[in-house]
Amino acid sequence: MPRDNQVRENRLRRMADRQGLRLEKSRRRDPQALTFGTYRLVDLYTNNLVLGDRERGFGCDLDELEKYLTGDKS
């Protein structure tokens, strides 16, 4: 992963933590897999999926996560 993406991911993890959420990255290692390199947000207290694909659990990219965490409505 490029360094700037890693820095961004860490920043989004901290933002999620402050909002009572946990940012999780898919552990799939096959680049052909649908969830490879994608993320999801989970509520820390209820362990419910907050943002992500309801069937696979993952499916969000960093842009979607940032939009959700910052409350950007555009």
PDB file of N, CA and C in Angstrom:
ATOM      1  N   MET A   1       0.847  -1.176   0.000  1.00  0.00           N
ATOM      2  CA  MET A   1       0.000   0.000   0.000  1.00  0.00           C
ATOM      3  C   MET A   1       0.888   1.233   0.000  1.00  0.00           C
ATOM      4  N   PRO A   2       0.582   2.194  -0.863  1.00  0.00           N
ATOM      5  CA  PRO A   2       1.362   3.435  -0.869  1.00  0.00           C
ATOM      6  C   PRO A   2       1.274   4.146   0.480  1.00  0.00           C
ATOM      7  N   ARG A   3       2.347   4.828   0.810  1.00  0.00           N
ATOM      8  CA  ARG A   3       2.434   5.481   2.119  1.00  0.00           C
ATOM      9  C   ARG A   3       1.302   6.471   2.360  1.00  0.00           C
ATOM     10  N   ASP A   4       0.904   7.244   1.339  1.00  0.00           N
ATOM     11  CA  ASP A   4      -0.162   8.227   1.540  1.00  0.00           C
ATOM     12  C   ASP A   4      -1.507   7.564   1.836  1.00  0.00           C
ATOM     13  N   ASN A   5      -1.753   6.389   1.244  1.00  0.00           N
ATOM     14  CA  ASN A   5      -2.974   5.651   1.559  1.00  0.00           C
ATOM     15  C   ASN A   5      -2.943   5.115   2.983  1.00  0.00           C
ATOM     16  N   GLN A   6      -1.778   4.678   3.433  1.00  0.00           N
ATOM     17  CA  GLN A   6      -1.648   4.159   4.791  1.00  0.00           C
ATOM     18  C   GLN A   6      -1.878   5.272   5.814  1.00  0.00           C
ATOM     19  N   VAL A   7      -1.350   6.437   5.539  1.00  0.00           N
ATOM     20  CA  VAL A   7      -1.534   7.587   6.419  1.00  0.00           C
ATOM     21  C   VAL A   7      -3.017   7.956   6.470  1.00  0.00           C
ATOM     22  N   ARG A   8      -3.659   7.973   5.319  1.00  0.00           N
ATOM     23  CA  ARG A   8      -5.086   8.289   5.245  1.00  0.00           C
ATOM     24  C   ARG A   8      -5.918   7.247   5.993  1.00  0.00           C
ATOM     25  N   GLU A   9      -5.599   5.979   5.797  1.00  0.00           N
ATOM     26  CA  GLU A   9      -6.302   4.900   6.489  1.00  0.00           C
ATOM     27  C   GLU A   9      -6.168   5.052   8.006  1.00  0.00           C
ATOM     28  N   ASN A  10      -4.980   5.342   8.486  1.00  0.00           N
ATOM     29  CA  ASN A  10      -4.770   5.529   9.927  1.00  0.00           C
ATOM     30  C   ASN A  10      -5.561   6.722  10.457  1.00  0.00           C
ATOM     31  N   ARG A  11      -5.615   7.798   9.686  1.00  0.00           N
ATOM     32  CA  ARG A  11      -6.383   8.977  10.089  1.00  0.00           C
ATOM     33  C   ARG A  11      -7.867   8.628  10.184  1.00  0.00           C
ATOM     34  N   LEU A  12      -8.375   7.875   9.210  1.00  0.00           N
ATOM     35  CA  LEU A  12      -9.783   7.471   9.223  1.00  0.00           C
ATOM     36  C   LEU A  12     -10.071   6.501  10.363  1.00  0.00           C
ATOM     37  N   ARG A  13      -9.105   5.652  10.715  1.00  0.00           N
ATOM     38  CA  ARG A  13      -9.278   4.755  11.868  1.00  0.00           C
ATOM     39  C   ARG A  13      -9.454   5.566  13.156  1.00  0.00           C
ATOM     40  N   ARG A  14      -8.648   6.601  13.310  1.00  0.00           N
ATOM     41  CA  ARG A  14      -8.762   7.444  14.503  1.00  0.00           C
ATOM     42  C   ARG A  14     -10.095   8.189  14.527  1.00  0.00           C
ATOM     43  N   MET A  15     -10.536   8.679  13.367  1.00  0.00           N
ATOM     44  CA  MET A  15     -11.829   9.358  13.288  1.00  0.00           C
ATOM     45  C   MET A  15     -12.960   8.408  13.668  1.00  0.00           C
ATOM     46  N   ALA A  16     -12.901   7.194  13.155  1.00  0.00           N
ATOM     47  CA  ALA A  16     -13.930   6.192  13.451  1.00  0.00           C
ATOM     48  C   ALA A  16     -13.943   5.873  14.938  1.00  0.00           C
ATOM     49  N   ASP A  17     -12.772   5.711  15.519  1.00  0.00           N
ATOM     50  CA  ASP A  17     -12.670   5.387  16.940  1.00  0.00           C
ATOM     51  C   ASP A  17     -13.302   6.478  17.802  1.00  0.00           C
ATOM     52  N   ARG A  18     -13.078   7.728  17.456  1.00  0.00           N
ATOM     53  CA  ARG A  18     -13.661   8.837  18.205  1.00  0.00           C
ATOM     54  C   ARG A  18     -15.186   8.862  18.100  1.00  0.00           C
ATOM     55  N   GLN A  19     -15.734   8.244  17.048  1.00  0.00           N
ATOM     56  CA  GLN A  19     -17.180   8.213  16.843  1.00  0.00           C
ATOM     57  C   GLN A  19     -17.793   6.895  17.336  1.00  0.00           C
ATOM     58  N   GLY A  20     -16.997   6.069  18.013  1.00  0.00           N
ATOM     59  CA  GLY A  20     -17.507   4.808  18.543  1.00  0.00           C
ATOM     60  C   GLY A  20     -17.634   3.728  17.487  1.00  0.00           C
ATOM     61  N   LEU A  21     -16.806   3.821  16.457  1.00  0.00           N
ATOM     62  CA  LEU A  21     -16.838   2.861  15.353  1.00  0.00           C
ATOM     63  C   LEU A  21     -15.468   2.212  15.190  1.00  0.00           C
ATOM     64  N   ARG A  22     -15.452   1.073  14.546  1.00  0.00           N
ATOM     65  CA  ARG A  22     -14.192   0.377  14.254  1.00  0.00           C
ATOM     66  C   ARG A  22     -14.084   0.218  12.743  1.00  0.00           C
ATOM     67  N   LEU A  23     -12.987   0.688  12.182  1.00  0.00           N
ATOM     68  CA  LEU A  23     -12.710   0.531  10.757  1.00  0.00           C
ATOM     69  C   LEU A  23     -11.998  -0.793  10.561  1.00  0.00           C
ATOM     70  N   GLU A  24     -12.553  -1.641   9.709  1.00  0.00           N
ATOM     71  CA  GLU A  24     -11.950  -2.943   9.433  1.00  0.00           C
ATOM     72  C   GLU A  24     -11.644  -3.054   7.950  1.00  0.00           C
ATOM     73  N   LYS A  25     -10.519  -3.667   7.653  1.00  0.00           N
ATOM     74  CA  LYS A  25     -10.115  -3.889   6.266  1.00  0.00           C
ATOM     75  C   LYS A  25     -10.251  -5.364   5.947  1.00  0.00           C
ATOM     76  N   SER A  26     -10.710  -5.655   4.758  1.00  0.00           N
ATOM     77  CA  SER A  26     -10.844  -7.043   4.334  1.00  0.00           C
ATOM     78  C   SER A  26      -9.490  -7.742   4.350  1.00  0.00           C
ATOM     79  N   ARG A  27      -9.467  -8.971   4.817  1.00  0.00           N
ATOM     80  CA  ARG A  27      -8.228  -9.736   4.887  1.00  0.00           C
ATOM     81  C   ARG A  27      -8.009 -10.602   3.648  1.00  0.00           C
ATOM     82  N   ARG A  28      -8.878 -10.483   2.666  1.00  0.00           N
ATOM     83  CA  ARG A  28      -8.736 -11.271   1.444  1.00  0.00           C
ATOM     84  C   ARG A  28      -7.413 -10.936   0.765  1.00  0.00           C
ATOM     85  N   ARG A  29      -6.724 -11.947   0.291  1.00  0.00           N
ATOM     86  CA  ARG A  29      -5.413 -11.757  -0.342  1.00  0.00           C
ATOM     87  C   ARG A  29      -5.449 -11.961  -1.855  1.00  0.00           C
ATOM     88  N   ASP A  30      -6.588 -12.411  -2.358  1.00  0.00           N
ATOM     89  CA  ASP A  30      -6.749 -12.649  -3.782  1.00  0.00           C
ATOM     90  C   ASP A  30      -7.238 -11.367  -4.457  1.00  0.00           C
ATOM     91  N   PRO A  31      -6.425 -10.747  -5.306  1.00  0.00           N
ATOM     92  CA  PRO A  31      -6.832  -9.499  -5.963  1.00  0.00           C
ATOM     93  C   PRO A  31      -8.097  -9.639  -6.816  1.00  0.00           C
ATOM     94  N   GLN A  32      -8.475 -10.842  -7.176  1.00  0.00           N
ATOM     95  CA  GLN A  32      -9.683 -11.057  -7.974  1.00  0.00           C
ATOM     96  C   GLN A  32     -10.937 -11.140  -7.113  1.00  0.00           C
ATOM     97  N   ALA A  33     -10.780 -11.255  -5.798  1.00  0.00           N
ATOM     98  CA  ALA A  33     -11.920 -11.356  -4.886  1.00  0.00           C
ATOM     99  C   ALA A  33     -12.672 -10.026  -4.836  1.00  0.00           C
ATOM    100  N   LEU A  34     -13.987 -10.101  -4.691  1.00  0.00           N
ATOM    101  CA  LEU A  34     -14.813  -8.893  -4.691  1.00  0.00           C
ATOM    102  C   LEU A  34     -14.506  -7.956  -3.531  1.00  0.00           C
ATOM    103  N   THR A  35     -14.115  -8.499  -2.395  1.00  0.00           N
ATOM    104  CA  THR A  35     -13.878  -7.656  -1.221  1.00  0.00           C
ATOM    105  C   THR A  35     -12.411  -7.302  -1.006  1.00  0.00           C
ATOM    106  N   PHE A  36     -11.547  -7.678  -1.915  1.00  0.00           N
ATOM    107  CA  PHE A  36     -10.118  -7.395  -1.779  1.00  0.00           C
ATOM    108  C   PHE A  36      -9.873  -5.891  -1.678  1.00  0.00           C
ATOM    109  N   GLY A  37      -9.166  -5.482  -0.629  1.00  0.00           N
ATOM    110  CA  GLY A  37      -8.776  -4.084  -0.463  1.00  0.00           C
ATOM    111  C   GLY A  37      -9.907  -3.141  -0.078  1.00  0.00           C
ATOM    112  N   THR A  38     -11.028  -3.693   0.402  1.00  0.00           N
ATOM    113  CA  THR A  38     -12.145  -2.844   0.788  1.00  0.00           C
ATOM    114  C   THR A  38     -12.296  -2.811   2.307  1.00  0.00           C
ATOM    115  N   TYR A  39     -13.161  -1.936   2.780  1.00  0.00           N
ATOM    116  CA  TYR A  39     -13.301  -1.671   4.210  1.00  0.00           C
ATOM    117  C   TYR A  39     -14.763  -1.760   4.630  1.00  0.00           C
ATOM    118  N   ARG A  40     -14.971  -1.710   5.969  1.00  0.00           N
ATOM    119  CA  ARG A  40     -16.303  -1.584   6.533  1.00  0.00           C
ATOM    120  C   ARG A  40     -16.190  -0.875   7.878  1.00  0.00           C
ATOM    121  N   LEU A  41     -17.306  -0.331   8.340  1.00  0.00           N
ATOM    122  CA  LEU A  41     -17.380   0.292   9.652  1.00  0.00           C
ATOM    123  C   LEU A  41     -18.333  -0.524  10.521  1.00  0.00           C
ATOM    124  N   VAL A  42     -17.895  -0.806  11.747  1.00  0.00           N
ATOM    125  CA  VAL A  42     -18.676  -1.591  12.686  1.00  0.00           C
ATOM    126  C   VAL A  42     -18.823  -0.790  13.975  1.00  0.00           C
ATOM    127  N   ASP A  43     -20.021  -0.819  14.562  1.00  0.00           N
ATOM    128  CA  ASP A  43     -20.255  -0.161  15.840  1.00  0.00           C
ATOM    129  C   ASP A  43     -19.487  -0.895  16.930  1.00  0.00           C
ATOM    130  N   LEU A  44     -18.710  -0.166  17.732  1.00  0.00           N
ATOM    131  CA  LEU A  44     -17.884  -0.775  18.779  1.00  0.00           C
ATOM    132  C   LEU A  44     -18.702  -1.451  19.864  1.00  0.00           C
ATOM    133  N   TYR A  45     -19.866  -0.922  20.158  1.00  0.00           N
ATOM    134  CA  TYR A  45     -20.628  -1.407  21.299  1.00  0.00           C
ATOM    135  C   TYR A  45     -21.630  -2.501  20.951  1.00  0.00           C
ATOM    136  N   THR A  46     -22.263  -2.398  19.776  1.00  0.00           N
ATOM    137  CA  THR A  46     -23.265  -3.394  19.384  1.00  0.00           C
ATOM    138  C   THR A  46     -22.712  -4.412  18.388  1.00  0.00           C
ATOM    139  N   ASN A  47     -21.552  -4.123  17.836  1.00  0.00           N
ATOM    140  CA  ASN A  47     -20.925  -4.978  16.835  1.00  0.00           C
ATOM    141  C   ASN A  47     -21.769  -5.108  15.561  1.00  0.00           C
ATOM    142  N   ASN A  48     -22.621  -4.119  15.306  1.00  0.00           N
ATOM    143  CA  ASN A  48     -23.445  -4.097  14.102  1.00  0.00           C
ATOM    144  C   ASN A  48     -22.724  -3.385  12.974  1.00  0.00           C
ATOM    145  N   LEU A  49     -22.992  -3.825  11.759  1.00  0.00           N
ATOM    146  CA  LEU A  49     -22.431  -3.192  10.571  1.00  0.00           C
ATOM    147  C   LEU A  49     -23.066  -1.817  10.386  1.00  0.00           C
ATOM    148  N   VAL A  50     -22.244  -0.794  10.249  1.00  0.00           N
ATOM    149  CA  VAL A  50     -22.727   0.575  10.063  1.00  0.00           C
ATOM    150  C   VAL A  50     -22.615   0.976   8.600  1.00  0.00           C
ATOM    151  N   LEU A  51     -21.494   0.634   7.975  1.00  0.00           N
ATOM    152  CA  LEU A  51     -21.261   0.984   6.579  1.00  0.00           C
ATOM    153  C   LEU A  51     -20.517  -0.158   5.911  1.00  0.00           C
ATOM    154  N   GLY A  52     -21.068  -0.638   4.818  1.00  0.00           N
ATOM    155  CA  GLY A  52     -20.477  -1.757   4.092  1.00  0.00           C
ATOM    156  C   GLY A  52     -21.563  -2.568   3.418  1.00  0.00           C
ATOM    157  N   ASP A  53     -21.188  -3.541   2.669  1.00  0.00           N
ATOM    158  CA  ASP A  53     -22.117  -4.415   1.965  1.00  0.00           C
ATOM    159  C   ASP A  53     -22.788  -5.344   2.975  1.00  0.00           C
ATOM    160  N   ARG A  54     -24.097  -5.388   2.984  1.00  0.00           N
ATOM    161  CA  ARG A  54     -24.847  -6.210   3.957  1.00  0.00           C
ATOM    162  C   ARG A  54     -24.586  -7.708   3.776  1.00  0.00           C
ATOM    163  N   GLU A  55     -24.290  -8.155   2.569  1.00  0.00           N
ATOM    164  CA  GLU A  55     -24.056  -9.582   2.333  1.00  0.00           C
ATOM    165  C   GLU A  55     -22.618  -9.992   2.629  1.00  0.00           C
ATOM    166  N   ARG A  56     -21.664  -9.206   2.140  1.00  0.00           N
ATOM    167  CA  ARG A  56     -20.258  -9.573   2.298  1.00  0.00           C
ATOM    168  C   ARG A  56     -19.589  -8.849   3.454  1.00  0.00           C
ATOM    169  N   GLY A  57     -20.205  -7.759   3.922  1.00  0.00           N
ATOM    170  CA  GLY A  57     -19.649  -7.029   5.054  1.00  0.00           C
ATOM    171  C   GLY A  57     -18.687  -5.930   4.668  1.00  0.00           C
ATOM    172  N   PHE A  58     -17.907  -6.130   3.644  1.00  0.00           N
ATOM    173  CA  PHE A  58     -16.950  -5.119   3.216  1.00  0.00           C
ATOM    174  C   PHE A  58     -17.479  -4.453   1.954  1.00  0.00           C
ATOM    175  N   GLY A  59     -16.673  -3.696   1.274  1.00  0.00           N
ATOM    176  CA  GLY A  59     -17.105  -3.126   0.008  1.00  0.00           C
ATOM    177  C   GLY A  59     -16.948  -1.626  -0.110  1.00  0.00           C
ATOM    178  N   CYS A  60     -16.503  -0.950   0.945  1.00  0.00           N
ATOM    179  CA  CYS A  60     -16.315   0.505   0.905  1.00  0.00           C
ATOM    180  C   CYS A  60     -14.861   0.838   0.610  1.00  0.00           C
ATOM    181  N   ASP A  61     -14.668   1.932  -0.104  1.00  0.00           N
ATOM    182  CA  ASP A  61     -13.300   2.411  -0.310  1.00  0.00           C
ATOM    183  C   ASP A  61     -13.034   3.574   0.645  1.00  0.00           C
ATOM    184  N   LEU A  62     -11.824   4.078   0.636  1.00  0.00           N
ATOM    185  CA  LEU A  62     -11.452   5.145   1.559  1.00  0.00           C
ATOM    186  C   LEU A  62     -12.258   6.417   1.331  1.00  0.00           C
ATOM    187  N   ASP A  63     -12.627   6.701   0.094  1.00  0.00           N
ATOM    188  CA  ASP A  63     -13.419   7.892  -0.200  1.00  0.00           C
ATOM    189  C   ASP A  63     -14.792   7.814   0.468  1.00  0.00           C
ATOM    190  N   GLU A  64     -15.443   6.663   0.350  1.00  0.00           N
ATOM    191  CA  GLU A  64     -16.759   6.471   0.974  1.00  0.00           C
ATOM    192  C   GLU A  64     -16.675   6.584   2.492  1.00  0.00           C
ATOM    193  N   LEU A  65     -15.640   5.990   3.055  1.00  0.00           N
ATOM    194  CA  LEU A  65     -15.453   6.056   4.505  1.00  0.00           C
ATOM    195  C   LEU A  65     -15.262   7.491   4.970  1.00  0.00           C
ATOM    196  N   GLU A  66     -14.416   8.219   4.272  1.00  0.00           N
ATOM    197  CA  GLU A  66     -14.149   9.597   4.665  1.00  0.00           C
ATOM    198  C   GLU A  66     -15.423  10.437   4.570  1.00  0.00           C
ATOM    199  N   LYS A  67     -16.195  10.236   3.519  1.00  0.00           N
ATOM    200  CA  LYS A  67     -17.440  10.960   3.356  1.00  0.00           C
ATOM    201  C   LYS A  67     -18.393  10.687   4.519  1.00  0.00           C
ATOM    202  N   TYR A  68     -18.511   9.431   4.909  1.00  0.00           N
ATOM    203  CA  TYR A  68     -19.400   9.059   6.010  1.00  0.00           C
ATOM    204  C   TYR A  68     -18.901   9.636   7.347  1.00  0.00           C
ATOM    205  N   LEU A  69     -17.620   9.496   7.604  1.00  0.00           N
ATOM    206  CA  LEU A  69     -17.070   9.916   8.883  1.00  0.00           C
ATOM    207  C   LEU A  69     -17.054  11.434   9.061  1.00  0.00           C
ATOM    208  N   THR A  70     -16.944  12.165   7.967  1.00  0.00           N
ATOM    209  CA  THR A  70     -16.936  13.619   8.063  1.00  0.00           C
ATOM    210  C   THR A  70     -18.340  14.199   7.955  1.00  0.00           C
ATOM    211  N   GLY A  71     -19.324  13.366   7.636  1.00  0.00           N
ATOM    212  CA  GLY A  71     -20.696  13.847   7.513  1.00  0.00           C
ATOM    213  C   GLY A  71     -20.947  14.620   6.250  1.00  0.00           C
ATOM    214  N   ASP A  72     -20.122  14.410   5.235  1.00  0.00           N
ATOM    215  CA  ASP A  72     -20.260  15.108   3.955  1.00  0.00           C
ATOM    216  C   ASP A  72     -21.499  14.582   3.232  1.00  0.00           C
ATOM    217  N   LYS A  73     -22.453  15.454   2.944  1.00  0.00           N
ATOM    218  CA  LYS A  73     -23.712  15.051   2.309  1.00  0.00           C
ATOM    219  C   LYS A  73     -23.682  15.196   0.795  1.00  0.00           C
ATOM    220  N   SER A  74     -22.627  15.749   0.228  1.00  0.00           N
ATOM    221  CA  SER A  74     -22.587  15.969  -1.224  1.00  0.00           C
ATOM    222  C   SER A  74     -22.197  14.736  -1.987  1.00  0.00           C
TER     223      SER A  74
END
